[in-house]
N, C-alpha and C. Protein backbone atom coordinates (compact mmCIF):
# COMPACT_ATOMS: atom_id res chain seq x y z
N MET A 1 -28.74 -55.00 8.37
CA MET A 1 -27.34 -54.73 8.42
C MET A 1 -26.93 -53.73 7.35
N HIS A 2 -27.53 -53.80 6.17
CA HIS A 2 -27.20 -52.89 5.08
C HIS A 2 -27.61 -51.46 5.42
N LEU A 3 -28.70 -51.31 6.16
CA LEU A 3 -29.15 -49.98 6.55
C LEU A 3 -28.10 -49.30 7.43
N GLY A 4 -27.51 -50.05 8.34
CA GLY A 4 -26.47 -49.51 9.21
C GLY A 4 -25.25 -49.06 8.42
N ARG A 5 -24.83 -49.87 7.45
CA ARG A 5 -23.68 -49.50 6.61
C ARG A 5 -24.00 -48.28 5.76
N ASN A 6 -25.20 -48.23 5.22
CA ASN A 6 -25.59 -47.09 4.38
C ASN A 6 -25.61 -45.80 5.19
N ILE A 7 -26.11 -45.88 6.42
CA ILE A 7 -26.13 -44.68 7.28
C ILE A 7 -24.71 -44.27 7.62
N THR A 8 -23.85 -45.23 7.94
CA THR A 8 -22.44 -44.93 8.25
C THR A 8 -21.76 -44.29 7.04
N THR A 9 -21.97 -44.87 5.86
CA THR A 9 -21.39 -44.32 4.63
C THR A 9 -21.90 -42.91 4.38
N LEU A 10 -23.18 -42.68 4.59
CA LEU A 10 -23.78 -41.36 4.41
C LEU A 10 -23.17 -40.36 5.38
N LEU A 11 -23.02 -40.73 6.64
CA LEU A 11 -22.45 -39.82 7.64
C LEU A 11 -21.00 -39.50 7.33
N ILE A 12 -20.23 -40.48 6.88
CA ILE A 12 -18.83 -40.23 6.51
C ILE A 12 -18.77 -39.31 5.30
N SER A 13 -19.64 -39.52 4.32
CA SER A 13 -19.67 -38.66 3.12
C SER A 13 -20.02 -37.23 3.49
N ILE A 14 -21.01 -37.06 4.37
CA ILE A 14 -21.39 -35.71 4.80
C ILE A 14 -20.23 -35.05 5.53
N GLY A 15 -19.55 -35.82 6.38
CA GLY A 15 -18.40 -35.29 7.10
C GLY A 15 -17.30 -34.84 6.17
N LEU A 16 -16.99 -35.64 5.16
CA LEU A 16 -15.96 -35.27 4.19
C LEU A 16 -16.37 -34.04 3.39
N LEU A 17 -17.63 -33.94 3.01
CA LEU A 17 -18.12 -32.79 2.27
C LEU A 17 -18.01 -31.53 3.12
N CYS A 18 -18.40 -31.61 4.37
CA CYS A 18 -18.30 -30.45 5.26
C CYS A 18 -16.85 -30.03 5.46
N THR A 19 -15.95 -31.01 5.60
CA THR A 19 -14.53 -30.71 5.75
C THR A 19 -13.99 -30.04 4.50
N ALA A 20 -14.36 -30.55 3.33
CA ALA A 20 -13.90 -29.94 2.07
C ALA A 20 -14.42 -28.51 1.95
N GLN A 21 -15.68 -28.27 2.29
CA GLN A 21 -16.23 -26.92 2.23
C GLN A 21 -15.53 -26.00 3.22
N SER A 22 -15.20 -26.53 4.40
CA SER A 22 -14.50 -25.75 5.41
C SER A 22 -13.12 -25.36 4.92
N ILE A 23 -12.41 -26.28 4.28
CA ILE A 23 -11.08 -25.98 3.75
C ILE A 23 -11.18 -24.91 2.67
N LEU A 24 -12.15 -25.04 1.77
CA LEU A 24 -12.33 -24.05 0.71
C LEU A 24 -12.70 -22.70 1.29
N ALA A 25 -13.55 -22.68 2.30
CA ALA A 25 -13.97 -21.43 2.91
C ALA A 25 -12.78 -20.74 3.58
N ASP A 26 -11.81 -21.52 4.07
CA ASP A 26 -10.65 -20.96 4.73
C ASP A 26 -9.69 -20.30 3.76
N GLU A 27 -9.86 -20.52 2.47
CA GLU A 27 -8.96 -19.97 1.48
C GLU A 27 -9.44 -18.63 0.94
N SER A 28 -9.96 -17.81 1.80
CA SER A 28 -10.36 -16.45 1.41
C SER A 28 -10.31 -15.57 2.66
N GLY A 29 -10.33 -14.28 2.42
CA GLY A 29 -10.30 -13.35 3.53
C GLY A 29 -10.36 -11.92 3.07
N SER A 30 -10.11 -11.02 4.00
CA SER A 30 -10.13 -9.59 3.69
C SER A 30 -9.01 -8.90 4.47
N PHE A 31 -8.62 -7.73 3.99
CA PHE A 31 -7.59 -6.94 4.67
C PHE A 31 -7.66 -5.51 4.17
N SER A 32 -6.94 -4.62 4.83
CA SER A 32 -6.75 -3.26 4.36
C SER A 32 -5.26 -2.94 4.47
N MET A 33 -4.81 -2.01 3.64
CA MET A 33 -3.38 -1.70 3.62
C MET A 33 -3.14 -0.23 3.31
N LEU A 34 -1.97 0.21 3.69
CA LEU A 34 -1.51 1.58 3.43
C LEU A 34 -0.13 1.48 2.80
N THR A 35 0.07 2.18 1.69
CA THR A 35 1.37 2.18 1.02
C THR A 35 1.82 3.62 0.85
N ILE A 36 3.07 3.88 1.22
CA ILE A 36 3.67 5.20 1.04
C ILE A 36 4.83 5.03 0.06
N TRP A 37 4.75 5.80 -1.03
CA TRP A 37 5.75 5.70 -2.09
C TRP A 37 6.45 7.04 -2.33
N LYS A 38 7.66 6.95 -2.84
CA LYS A 38 8.37 8.08 -3.44
C LYS A 38 8.29 7.85 -4.94
N ARG A 39 7.86 8.84 -5.67
CA ARG A 39 7.70 8.67 -7.12
C ARG A 39 8.86 9.29 -7.88
N ASP A 40 9.08 8.73 -9.06
CA ASP A 40 10.04 9.27 -10.01
C ASP A 40 9.37 9.19 -11.38
N TYR A 41 8.66 10.26 -11.74
CA TYR A 41 7.86 10.30 -12.96
C TYR A 41 8.49 11.24 -13.98
N SER A 42 8.28 10.94 -15.23
CA SER A 42 8.60 11.85 -16.34
C SER A 42 7.32 12.05 -17.14
N MET A 43 7.12 13.29 -17.60
CA MET A 43 5.91 13.59 -18.37
C MET A 43 6.28 14.21 -19.70
N LEU A 44 5.56 13.80 -20.72
CA LEU A 44 5.71 14.35 -22.05
C LEU A 44 4.37 14.98 -22.41
N GLU A 45 4.39 16.30 -22.67
CA GLU A 45 3.15 17.00 -23.01
C GLU A 45 3.09 17.27 -24.49
N ARG A 46 1.88 17.11 -25.02
CA ARG A 46 1.57 17.44 -26.41
C ARG A 46 0.30 18.26 -26.40
N PRO A 47 -0.05 18.91 -27.46
CA PRO A 47 -1.28 19.70 -27.46
C PRO A 47 -2.51 18.84 -27.08
N GLY A 48 -3.13 19.17 -25.97
CA GLY A 48 -4.33 18.48 -25.53
C GLY A 48 -4.10 17.13 -24.87
N LYS A 49 -2.85 16.70 -24.73
CA LYS A 49 -2.56 15.38 -24.16
C LYS A 49 -1.29 15.43 -23.32
N ALA A 50 -1.19 14.49 -22.39
CA ALA A 50 0.04 14.31 -21.61
C ALA A 50 0.21 12.83 -21.32
N VAL A 51 1.45 12.37 -21.39
CA VAL A 51 1.78 10.99 -21.07
C VAL A 51 2.79 11.01 -19.93
N THR A 52 2.51 10.22 -18.90
CA THR A 52 3.39 10.12 -17.74
C THR A 52 3.84 8.67 -17.60
N ILE A 53 5.13 8.49 -17.30
CA ILE A 53 5.67 7.15 -17.06
C ILE A 53 6.68 7.28 -15.93
N GLY A 54 6.78 6.23 -15.12
CA GLY A 54 7.75 6.30 -14.04
C GLY A 54 7.67 5.14 -13.07
N THR A 55 8.34 5.33 -11.93
CA THR A 55 8.41 4.29 -10.91
C THR A 55 7.92 4.82 -9.57
N LEU A 56 7.52 3.88 -8.73
CA LEU A 56 7.17 4.14 -7.34
C LEU A 56 7.99 3.17 -6.49
N LYS A 57 8.58 3.67 -5.41
CA LYS A 57 9.30 2.82 -4.46
C LYS A 57 8.87 3.23 -3.07
N GLY A 58 8.53 2.23 -2.24
CA GLY A 58 8.09 2.57 -0.91
C GLY A 58 7.84 1.38 -0.03
N VAL A 59 7.01 1.61 0.98
CA VAL A 59 6.71 0.61 2.00
C VAL A 59 5.20 0.43 2.12
N ASN A 60 4.79 -0.83 2.20
CA ASN A 60 3.39 -1.20 2.34
C ASN A 60 3.20 -1.79 3.75
N THR A 61 2.10 -1.42 4.41
CA THR A 61 1.77 -1.96 5.73
C THR A 61 0.35 -2.50 5.71
N ILE A 62 0.18 -3.72 6.20
CA ILE A 62 -1.16 -4.30 6.36
C ILE A 62 -1.75 -3.70 7.63
N LEU A 63 -2.88 -3.00 7.51
CA LEU A 63 -3.49 -2.33 8.65
C LEU A 63 -4.36 -3.28 9.48
N GLU A 64 -5.15 -4.07 8.79
CA GLU A 64 -5.99 -5.07 9.47
C GLU A 64 -6.23 -6.22 8.51
N SER A 65 -6.51 -7.40 9.07
CA SER A 65 -6.68 -8.57 8.24
C SER A 65 -7.52 -9.61 8.96
N SER A 66 -8.27 -10.37 8.17
CA SER A 66 -9.08 -11.45 8.72
C SER A 66 -8.25 -12.70 8.97
N ARG A 67 -7.11 -12.83 8.26
CA ARG A 67 -6.29 -14.05 8.42
C ARG A 67 -5.08 -14.05 7.49
N ASP A 68 -4.20 -15.06 7.65
CA ASP A 68 -3.05 -15.25 6.77
C ASP A 68 -3.53 -15.45 5.34
N PRO A 69 -2.75 -15.09 4.34
CA PRO A 69 -1.35 -14.70 4.39
C PRO A 69 -1.12 -13.22 4.70
N PHE A 70 -2.18 -12.44 4.83
CA PHE A 70 -2.06 -11.02 5.14
C PHE A 70 -2.18 -10.88 6.65
N VAL A 71 -1.13 -10.34 7.29
CA VAL A 71 -1.08 -10.24 8.74
C VAL A 71 -0.98 -8.77 9.13
N ALA A 72 -1.90 -8.33 9.98
CA ALA A 72 -1.90 -6.94 10.44
C ALA A 72 -0.55 -6.58 11.04
N GLY A 73 -0.02 -5.43 10.63
CA GLY A 73 1.26 -4.96 11.13
C GLY A 73 2.45 -5.37 10.29
N ASN A 74 2.28 -6.31 9.34
CA ASN A 74 3.40 -6.72 8.49
C ASN A 74 3.70 -5.64 7.46
N HIS A 75 4.99 -5.50 7.15
CA HIS A 75 5.46 -4.51 6.19
C HIS A 75 6.11 -5.21 5.00
N SER A 76 6.02 -4.59 3.83
CA SER A 76 6.65 -5.09 2.61
C SER A 76 7.27 -3.92 1.86
N LEU A 77 8.32 -4.20 1.11
CA LEU A 77 8.85 -3.21 0.19
C LEU A 77 7.98 -3.25 -1.06
N SER A 78 7.71 -2.09 -1.65
CA SER A 78 6.85 -2.00 -2.81
C SER A 78 7.56 -1.30 -3.95
N ASN A 79 7.56 -1.93 -5.12
CA ASN A 79 8.13 -1.36 -6.34
C ASN A 79 7.10 -1.43 -7.44
N CYS A 80 6.92 -0.30 -8.15
CA CYS A 80 5.88 -0.23 -9.19
C CYS A 80 6.40 0.48 -10.44
N LEU A 81 5.81 0.10 -11.55
CA LEU A 81 5.94 0.84 -12.81
C LEU A 81 4.58 1.46 -13.09
N VAL A 82 4.57 2.72 -13.52
CA VAL A 82 3.32 3.46 -13.73
C VAL A 82 3.31 4.06 -15.13
N TYR A 83 2.13 4.00 -15.75
CA TYR A 83 1.93 4.60 -17.07
C TYR A 83 0.56 5.30 -17.05
N ALA A 84 0.53 6.58 -17.42
CA ALA A 84 -0.74 7.33 -17.42
C ALA A 84 -0.84 8.17 -18.69
N LYS A 85 -2.07 8.24 -19.21
CA LYS A 85 -2.38 9.10 -20.36
C LYS A 85 -3.55 10.00 -19.95
N LYS A 86 -3.38 11.29 -20.23
CA LYS A 86 -4.43 12.26 -19.89
C LYS A 86 -4.70 13.14 -21.10
N SER A 87 -5.98 13.28 -21.42
CA SER A 87 -6.40 14.21 -22.47
C SER A 87 -7.47 15.10 -21.87
N GLU A 88 -8.03 15.96 -22.68
CA GLU A 88 -9.07 16.87 -22.19
C GLU A 88 -10.30 16.13 -21.69
N ASP A 89 -10.59 14.96 -22.26
CA ASP A 89 -11.81 14.25 -21.89
C ASP A 89 -11.60 12.86 -21.29
N SER A 90 -10.35 12.46 -21.04
CA SER A 90 -10.14 11.14 -20.45
C SER A 90 -8.85 11.10 -19.63
N TYR A 91 -8.81 10.12 -18.72
CA TYR A 91 -7.63 9.88 -17.90
C TYR A 91 -7.52 8.38 -17.67
N ASN A 92 -6.36 7.81 -17.93
CA ASN A 92 -6.13 6.38 -17.74
C ASN A 92 -4.76 6.18 -17.11
N LEU A 93 -4.74 5.59 -15.92
CA LEU A 93 -3.50 5.28 -15.24
C LEU A 93 -3.46 3.78 -14.97
N GLU A 94 -2.30 3.19 -15.22
CA GLU A 94 -2.10 1.77 -14.99
C GLU A 94 -0.80 1.61 -14.20
N ALA A 95 -0.84 0.80 -13.13
CA ALA A 95 0.34 0.54 -12.31
C ALA A 95 0.54 -0.97 -12.17
N HIS A 96 1.79 -1.39 -12.21
CA HIS A 96 2.16 -2.80 -12.02
C HIS A 96 3.14 -2.83 -10.85
N CYS A 97 2.75 -3.51 -9.76
CA CYS A 97 3.54 -3.47 -8.53
C CYS A 97 3.88 -4.86 -8.02
N THR A 98 4.98 -4.93 -7.30
CA THR A 98 5.37 -6.14 -6.58
C THR A 98 5.69 -5.74 -5.15
N MET A 99 5.03 -6.41 -4.20
CA MET A 99 5.30 -6.22 -2.78
C MET A 99 6.18 -7.39 -2.34
N THR A 100 7.30 -7.11 -1.68
CA THR A 100 8.21 -8.15 -1.20
C THR A 100 8.30 -8.06 0.31
N ASP A 101 7.86 -9.12 1.01
CA ASP A 101 7.85 -9.08 2.48
C ASP A 101 9.17 -9.56 3.07
N VAL A 102 9.25 -9.61 4.41
CA VAL A 102 10.50 -9.97 5.07
C VAL A 102 10.92 -11.41 4.81
N SER A 103 9.97 -12.27 4.41
CA SER A 103 10.29 -13.66 4.05
C SER A 103 10.71 -13.79 2.59
N ASN A 104 10.77 -12.65 1.87
CA ASN A 104 11.08 -12.58 0.45
C ASN A 104 9.96 -13.18 -0.41
N ASP A 105 8.75 -13.32 0.15
CA ASP A 105 7.59 -13.72 -0.63
C ASP A 105 7.08 -12.49 -1.37
N LYS A 106 6.64 -12.68 -2.58
CA LYS A 106 6.22 -11.56 -3.43
C LYS A 106 4.73 -11.64 -3.76
N LEU A 107 4.06 -10.50 -3.68
CA LEU A 107 2.67 -10.36 -4.11
C LEU A 107 2.66 -9.40 -5.29
N HIS A 108 2.07 -9.84 -6.41
CA HIS A 108 1.98 -9.00 -7.61
C HIS A 108 0.58 -8.38 -7.67
N MET A 109 0.55 -7.10 -8.04
CA MET A 109 -0.71 -6.37 -8.12
C MET A 109 -0.73 -5.50 -9.37
N GLY A 110 -1.92 -5.30 -9.90
CA GLY A 110 -2.11 -4.39 -11.01
C GLY A 110 -3.20 -3.39 -10.64
N GLY A 111 -2.95 -2.12 -10.88
CA GLY A 111 -3.92 -1.09 -10.52
C GLY A 111 -4.36 -0.28 -11.72
N ARG A 112 -5.62 0.15 -11.67
CA ARG A 112 -6.16 1.02 -12.72
C ARG A 112 -6.95 2.15 -12.07
N ARG A 113 -6.86 3.31 -12.74
CA ARG A 113 -7.60 4.48 -12.26
C ARG A 113 -8.00 5.30 -13.48
N HIS A 114 -9.23 5.80 -13.47
CA HIS A 114 -9.74 6.56 -14.62
C HIS A 114 -10.17 7.97 -14.23
N LYS A 115 -9.81 8.39 -13.04
CA LYS A 115 -10.14 9.75 -12.58
C LYS A 115 -8.96 10.31 -11.82
N GLY A 116 -8.88 11.63 -11.78
CA GLY A 116 -7.84 12.27 -10.99
C GLY A 116 -6.63 12.67 -11.80
N ASP A 117 -5.49 12.76 -11.11
CA ASP A 117 -4.25 13.16 -11.75
C ASP A 117 -3.06 12.66 -10.94
N THR A 118 -1.86 13.09 -11.31
CA THR A 118 -0.64 12.71 -10.60
C THR A 118 0.10 13.93 -10.08
N GLU A 119 -0.62 15.02 -9.90
CA GLU A 119 -0.02 16.26 -9.43
C GLU A 119 -0.11 16.37 -7.91
N SER A 120 0.84 17.08 -7.30
CA SER A 120 0.80 17.32 -5.87
C SER A 120 -0.54 17.96 -5.49
N GLY A 121 -1.18 17.42 -4.47
CA GLY A 121 -2.51 17.90 -4.07
C GLY A 121 -3.62 17.16 -4.78
N GLY A 122 -3.28 16.31 -5.74
CA GLY A 122 -4.27 15.56 -6.51
C GLY A 122 -4.31 14.11 -6.10
N GLY A 123 -4.82 13.31 -7.00
CA GLY A 123 -4.94 11.87 -6.74
C GLY A 123 -6.22 11.35 -7.34
N GLY A 124 -6.80 10.34 -6.71
CA GLY A 124 -8.06 9.79 -7.19
C GLY A 124 -8.27 8.37 -6.67
N SER A 125 -9.36 7.79 -7.11
CA SER A 125 -9.75 6.44 -6.68
C SER A 125 -9.59 5.45 -7.82
N GLY A 126 -9.31 4.21 -7.46
CA GLY A 126 -9.14 3.17 -8.46
C GLY A 126 -9.33 1.79 -7.86
N VAL A 127 -8.88 0.78 -8.60
CA VAL A 127 -9.02 -0.61 -8.17
C VAL A 127 -7.69 -1.34 -8.35
N TRP A 128 -7.29 -2.07 -7.30
CA TRP A 128 -6.16 -2.98 -7.39
C TRP A 128 -6.67 -4.37 -7.68
N LYS A 129 -5.93 -5.12 -8.49
CA LYS A 129 -6.19 -6.55 -8.68
C LYS A 129 -5.00 -7.30 -8.11
N LEU A 130 -5.28 -8.28 -7.27
CA LEU A 130 -4.24 -9.14 -6.72
C LEU A 130 -3.98 -10.24 -7.73
N LEU A 131 -2.71 -10.40 -8.14
CA LEU A 131 -2.36 -11.26 -9.27
C LEU A 131 -1.47 -12.44 -8.89
N GLY A 132 -1.55 -12.88 -7.64
CA GLY A 132 -0.74 -14.02 -7.22
C GLY A 132 0.64 -13.59 -6.84
N GLY A 133 1.52 -14.57 -6.71
CA GLY A 133 2.88 -14.26 -6.32
C GLY A 133 3.66 -15.51 -5.99
N THR A 134 4.56 -15.39 -5.03
CA THR A 134 5.39 -16.51 -4.62
C THR A 134 5.15 -16.81 -3.15
N GLY A 135 5.58 -17.99 -2.72
CA GLY A 135 5.45 -18.37 -1.31
C GLY A 135 4.01 -18.32 -0.85
N LYS A 136 3.77 -17.63 0.25
CA LYS A 136 2.42 -17.58 0.83
C LYS A 136 1.39 -16.87 -0.06
N TYR A 137 1.84 -16.13 -1.08
CA TYR A 137 0.93 -15.43 -1.99
C TYR A 137 0.64 -16.20 -3.27
N LEU A 138 1.16 -17.41 -3.40
CA LEU A 138 0.94 -18.22 -4.59
C LEU A 138 -0.56 -18.40 -4.82
N ASP A 139 -1.02 -18.10 -6.01
CA ASP A 139 -2.41 -18.27 -6.44
C ASP A 139 -3.42 -17.36 -5.73
N VAL A 140 -2.96 -16.35 -4.99
CA VAL A 140 -3.88 -15.41 -4.36
C VAL A 140 -4.41 -14.45 -5.42
N SER A 141 -5.72 -14.27 -5.47
CA SER A 141 -6.31 -13.29 -6.37
C SER A 141 -7.39 -12.53 -5.61
N GLY A 142 -7.80 -11.40 -6.16
CA GLY A 142 -8.83 -10.60 -5.52
C GLY A 142 -8.76 -9.16 -5.97
N THR A 143 -9.48 -8.29 -5.26
CA THR A 143 -9.52 -6.87 -5.61
C THR A 143 -9.55 -6.00 -4.36
N CYS A 144 -9.12 -4.76 -4.56
CA CYS A 144 -9.15 -3.72 -3.51
C CYS A 144 -9.57 -2.41 -4.16
N ASP A 145 -10.48 -1.71 -3.54
CA ASP A 145 -10.73 -0.33 -3.93
C ASP A 145 -9.70 0.53 -3.22
N TYR A 146 -9.16 1.53 -3.91
CA TYR A 146 -8.14 2.35 -3.27
C TYR A 146 -8.36 3.83 -3.54
N ARG A 147 -7.70 4.63 -2.72
CA ARG A 147 -7.67 6.08 -2.89
C ARG A 147 -6.21 6.50 -2.75
N VAL A 148 -5.71 7.28 -3.70
CA VAL A 148 -4.33 7.76 -3.67
C VAL A 148 -4.32 9.28 -3.54
N GLU A 149 -3.37 9.78 -2.76
CA GLU A 149 -3.18 11.22 -2.59
C GLU A 149 -1.72 11.55 -2.90
N TYR A 150 -1.51 12.53 -3.78
CA TYR A 150 -0.17 12.98 -4.14
C TYR A 150 0.22 14.14 -3.24
N LEU A 151 1.39 14.01 -2.61
CA LEU A 151 1.89 15.00 -1.66
C LEU A 151 3.05 15.78 -2.25
N GLU A 152 3.54 16.76 -1.50
CA GLU A 152 4.71 17.54 -1.90
C GLU A 152 5.95 16.64 -1.97
N ASP A 153 6.96 17.10 -2.67
CA ASP A 153 8.27 16.45 -2.77
C ASP A 153 8.19 15.03 -3.32
N ASN A 154 7.24 14.77 -4.22
CA ASN A 154 7.12 13.48 -4.93
C ASN A 154 6.72 12.30 -4.05
N TRP A 155 6.06 12.55 -2.94
CA TRP A 155 5.53 11.48 -2.09
C TRP A 155 4.07 11.27 -2.40
N LEU A 156 3.60 10.04 -2.23
CA LEU A 156 2.17 9.77 -2.33
C LEU A 156 1.77 8.67 -1.37
N VAL A 157 0.49 8.69 -0.99
CA VAL A 157 -0.07 7.73 -0.04
C VAL A 157 -1.24 7.04 -0.70
N ASN A 158 -1.24 5.70 -0.63
CA ASN A 158 -2.30 4.89 -1.21
C ASN A 158 -2.97 4.10 -0.08
N THR A 159 -4.27 4.30 0.09
CA THR A 159 -5.02 3.58 1.11
C THR A 159 -5.99 2.64 0.41
N ALA A 160 -5.85 1.35 0.68
CA ALA A 160 -6.73 0.34 0.09
C ALA A 160 -7.54 -0.30 1.22
N MET A 161 -8.82 -0.10 1.20
CA MET A 161 -9.71 -0.62 2.25
C MET A 161 -10.60 -1.72 1.63
N HIS A 162 -11.04 -2.59 2.46
CA HIS A 162 -11.98 -3.65 2.05
C HIS A 162 -11.44 -4.49 0.89
N CYS A 163 -10.19 -4.90 1.01
CA CYS A 163 -9.61 -5.80 0.02
C CYS A 163 -10.14 -7.21 0.29
N ASN A 164 -10.55 -7.88 -0.75
CA ASN A 164 -11.03 -9.27 -0.63
C ASN A 164 -10.16 -10.16 -1.49
N TRP A 165 -9.71 -11.28 -0.90
CA TRP A 165 -8.84 -12.20 -1.62
C TRP A 165 -9.39 -13.62 -1.50
N HIS A 166 -8.94 -14.45 -2.42
CA HIS A 166 -9.28 -15.87 -2.36
C HIS A 166 -8.18 -16.66 -3.07
N ARG A 167 -8.18 -17.93 -2.81
CA ARG A 167 -7.26 -18.86 -3.47
C ARG A 167 -8.11 -19.97 -4.05
N PRO A 168 -7.97 -20.25 -5.37
CA PRO A 168 -8.83 -21.28 -5.98
C PRO A 168 -8.61 -22.66 -5.40
């Protein structure tokens, strides 16, 4: 009789473990996104150096996604603060952004780039870090590789492909 109970207990334990692993596995995914911003930058030049600071305002669109909370075709308003330092031998750009979707849920992101520039016709590659947020983005973290292109009339386009996210 004890053998039957032990087998039943073992099967229930295995079932619970598999369910827990399934739930944890469901808390991750991937997506890609496109953001179009209008920039408002100011630059201060010194001999051999330049400092740029400003804002970005625009619209973010999820292009494709493996699952919620990122849904293909969804749009968000995007607001960012940007700070960049450029010298003859180095370039460092840092951006802090908040995406606000139609449900008023917010996703916070931080971006870094060490190559390129902020001039029309320029740009470069960098990395976004997903820093959590509110509502459906609570506790979301992850990274995205991105490429930004600066266009005429203070417009820029940021394409982030192969973004991976998870929730602890």
